[in-house]
Amino acid sequence: MTAGSSVMAASAPSTKGTSRTGVWLR
């Protein structure tokens, strides 16, 4: 995983909100 995905995961209320690549699944 990239550093960006880690930041998104930390910012998101749940890791399920982001895909494996760290892209938002809106």
PDB file of N, CA and C in Angstrom:
ATOM      1  N   MET A   1       0.849  -1.202   0.000  1.00  0.00           N
ATOM      2  CA  MET A   1       0.000   0.000   0.000  1.00  0.00           C
ATOM      3  C   MET A   1       0.882   1.249   0.000  1.00  0.00           C
ATOM      4  N   THR A   2       0.352   2.319  -0.551  1.00  0.00           N
ATOM      5  CA  THR A   2       1.115   3.563  -0.626  1.00  0.00           C
ATOM      6  C   THR A   2       0.864   4.412   0.612  1.00  0.00           C
ATOM      7  N   ALA A   3       1.678   5.412   0.805  1.00  0.00           N
ATOM      8  CA  ALA A   3       1.519   6.295   1.961  1.00  0.00           C
ATOM      9  C   ALA A   3       0.186   7.025   1.867  1.00  0.00           C
ATOM     10  N   GLY A   4      -0.236   7.321   0.650  1.00  0.00           N
ATOM     11  CA  GLY A   4      -1.490   8.044   0.446  1.00  0.00           C
ATOM     12  C   GLY A   4      -2.675   7.244   0.951  1.00  0.00           C
ATOM     13  N   SER A   5      -2.640   5.940   0.726  1.00  0.00           N
ATOM     14  CA  SER A   5      -3.748   5.085   1.156  1.00  0.00           C
ATOM     15  C   SER A   5      -3.820   5.054   2.674  1.00  0.00           C
ATOM     16  N   SER A   6      -2.661   5.100   3.311  1.00  0.00           N
ATOM     17  CA  SER A   6      -2.612   5.079   4.768  1.00  0.00           C
ATOM     18  C   SER A   6      -3.239   6.350   5.337  1.00  0.00           C
ATOM     19  N   VAL A   7      -2.956   7.464   4.679  1.00  0.00           N
ATOM     20  CA  VAL A   7      -3.500   8.750   5.119  1.00  0.00           C
ATOM     21  C   VAL A   7      -5.010   8.757   4.950  1.00  0.00           C
ATOM     22  N   MET A   8      -5.480   8.234   3.825  1.00  0.00           N
ATOM     23  CA  MET A   8      -6.916   8.189   3.561  1.00  0.00           C
ATOM     24  C   MET A   8      -7.607   7.278   4.561  1.00  0.00           C
ATOM     25  N   ALA A   9      -6.976   6.153   4.845  1.00  0.00           N
ATOM     26  CA  ALA A   9      -7.557   5.194   5.780  1.00  0.00           C
ATOM     27  C   ALA A   9      -7.676   5.820   7.170  1.00  0.00           C
ATOM     28  N   ALA A  10      -6.676   6.608   7.535  1.00  0.00           N
ATOM     29  CA  ALA A  10      -6.679   7.251   8.843  1.00  0.00           C
ATOM     30  C   ALA A  10      -7.728   8.359   8.893  1.00  0.00           C
ATOM     31  N   SER A  11      -7.942   9.025   7.752  1.00  0.00           N
ATOM     32  CA  SER A  11      -8.898  10.120   7.690  1.00  0.00           C
ATOM     33  C   SER A  11     -10.325   9.599   7.606  1.00  0.00           C
ATOM     34  N   ALA A  12     -10.474   8.430   6.986  1.00  0.00           N
ATOM     35  CA  ALA A  12     -11.802   7.862   6.805  1.00  0.00           C
ATOM     36  C   ALA A  12     -12.293   7.209   8.099  1.00  0.00           C
ATOM     37  N   PRO A  13     -13.596   7.227   8.346  1.00  0.00           N
ATOM     38  CA  PRO A  13     -14.170   6.616   9.548  1.00  0.00           C
ATOM     39  C   PRO A  13     -14.010   5.106   9.523  1.00  0.00           C
ATOM     40  N   SER A  14     -13.822   4.576   8.327  1.00  0.00           N
ATOM     41  CA  SER A  14     -13.640   3.127   8.185  1.00  0.00           C
ATOM     42  C   SER A  14     -12.786   2.844   6.961  1.00  0.00           C
ATOM     43  N   THR A  15     -11.933   1.833   7.037  1.00  0.00           N
ATOM     44  CA  THR A  15     -11.052   1.501   5.920  1.00  0.00           C
ATOM     45  C   THR A  15     -11.865   0.977   4.747  1.00  0.00           C
ATOM     46  N   LYS A  16     -13.093   0.555   5.028  1.00  0.00           N
ATOM     47  CA  LYS A  16     -13.951   0.040   3.970  1.00  0.00           C
ATOM     48  C   LYS A  16     -14.377   1.156   3.021  1.00  0.00           C
ATOM     49  N   GLY A  17     -14.173   2.404   3.434  1.00  0.00           N
ATOM     50  CA  GLY A  17     -14.545   3.540   2.611  1.00  0.00           C
ATOM     51  C   GLY A  17     -13.590   3.732   1.438  1.00  0.00           C
ATOM     52  N   THR A  18     -12.450   3.044   1.510  1.00  0.00           N
ATOM     53  CA  THR A  18     -11.465   3.184   0.437  1.00  0.00           C
ATOM     54  C   THR A  18     -11.159   1.833  -0.186  1.00  0.00           C
ATOM     55  N   SER A  19     -10.730   1.847  -1.407  1.00  0.00           N
ATOM     56  CA  SER A  19     -10.385   0.596  -2.086  1.00  0.00           C
ATOM     57  C   SER A  19      -8.987   0.160  -1.693  1.00  0.00           C
ATOM     58  N   ARG A  20      -8.537  -0.962  -2.180  1.00  0.00           N
ATOM     59  CA  ARG A  20      -7.213  -1.483  -1.827  1.00  0.00           C
ATOM     60  C   ARG A  20      -6.106  -0.547  -2.294  1.00  0.00           C
ATOM     61  N   THR A  21      -6.389   0.217  -3.332  1.00  0.00           N
ATOM     62  CA  THR A  21      -5.373   1.134  -3.861  1.00  0.00           C
ATOM     63  C   THR A  21      -5.416   2.468  -3.133  1.00  0.00           C
ATOM     64  N   GLY A  22      -6.398   2.641  -2.262  1.00  0.00           N
ATOM     65  CA  GLY A  22      -6.485   3.877  -1.499  1.00  0.00           C
ATOM     66  C   GLY A  22      -7.371   4.903  -2.169  1.00  0.00           C
ATOM     67  N   VAL A  23      -8.072   4.488  -3.237  1.00  0.00           N
ATOM     68  CA  VAL A  23      -8.951   5.423  -3.941  1.00  0.00           C
ATOM     69  C   VAL A  23     -10.340   5.386  -3.317  1.00  0.00           C
ATOM     70  N   TRP A  24     -10.925   6.564  -3.118  1.00  0.00           N
ATOM     71  CA  TRP A  24     -12.242   6.646  -2.500  1.00  0.00           C
ATOM     72  C   TRP A  24     -13.292   5.931  -3.345  1.00  0.00           C
ATOM     73  N   LEU A  25     -14.136   5.167  -2.669  1.00  0.00           N
ATOM     74  CA  LEU A  25     -15.185   4.432  -3.386  1.00  0.00           C
ATOM     75  C   LEU A  25     -16.508   5.168  -3.275  1.00  0.00           C
ATOM     76  N   ARG A  26     -16.537   6.404  -3.748  1.00  0.00           N
ATOM     77  CA  ARG A  26     -17.767   7.177  -3.715  1.00  0.00           C
ATOM     78  C   ARG A  26     -18.667   6.727  -4.859  1.00  0.00           C
TER      79      ARG A  26
END
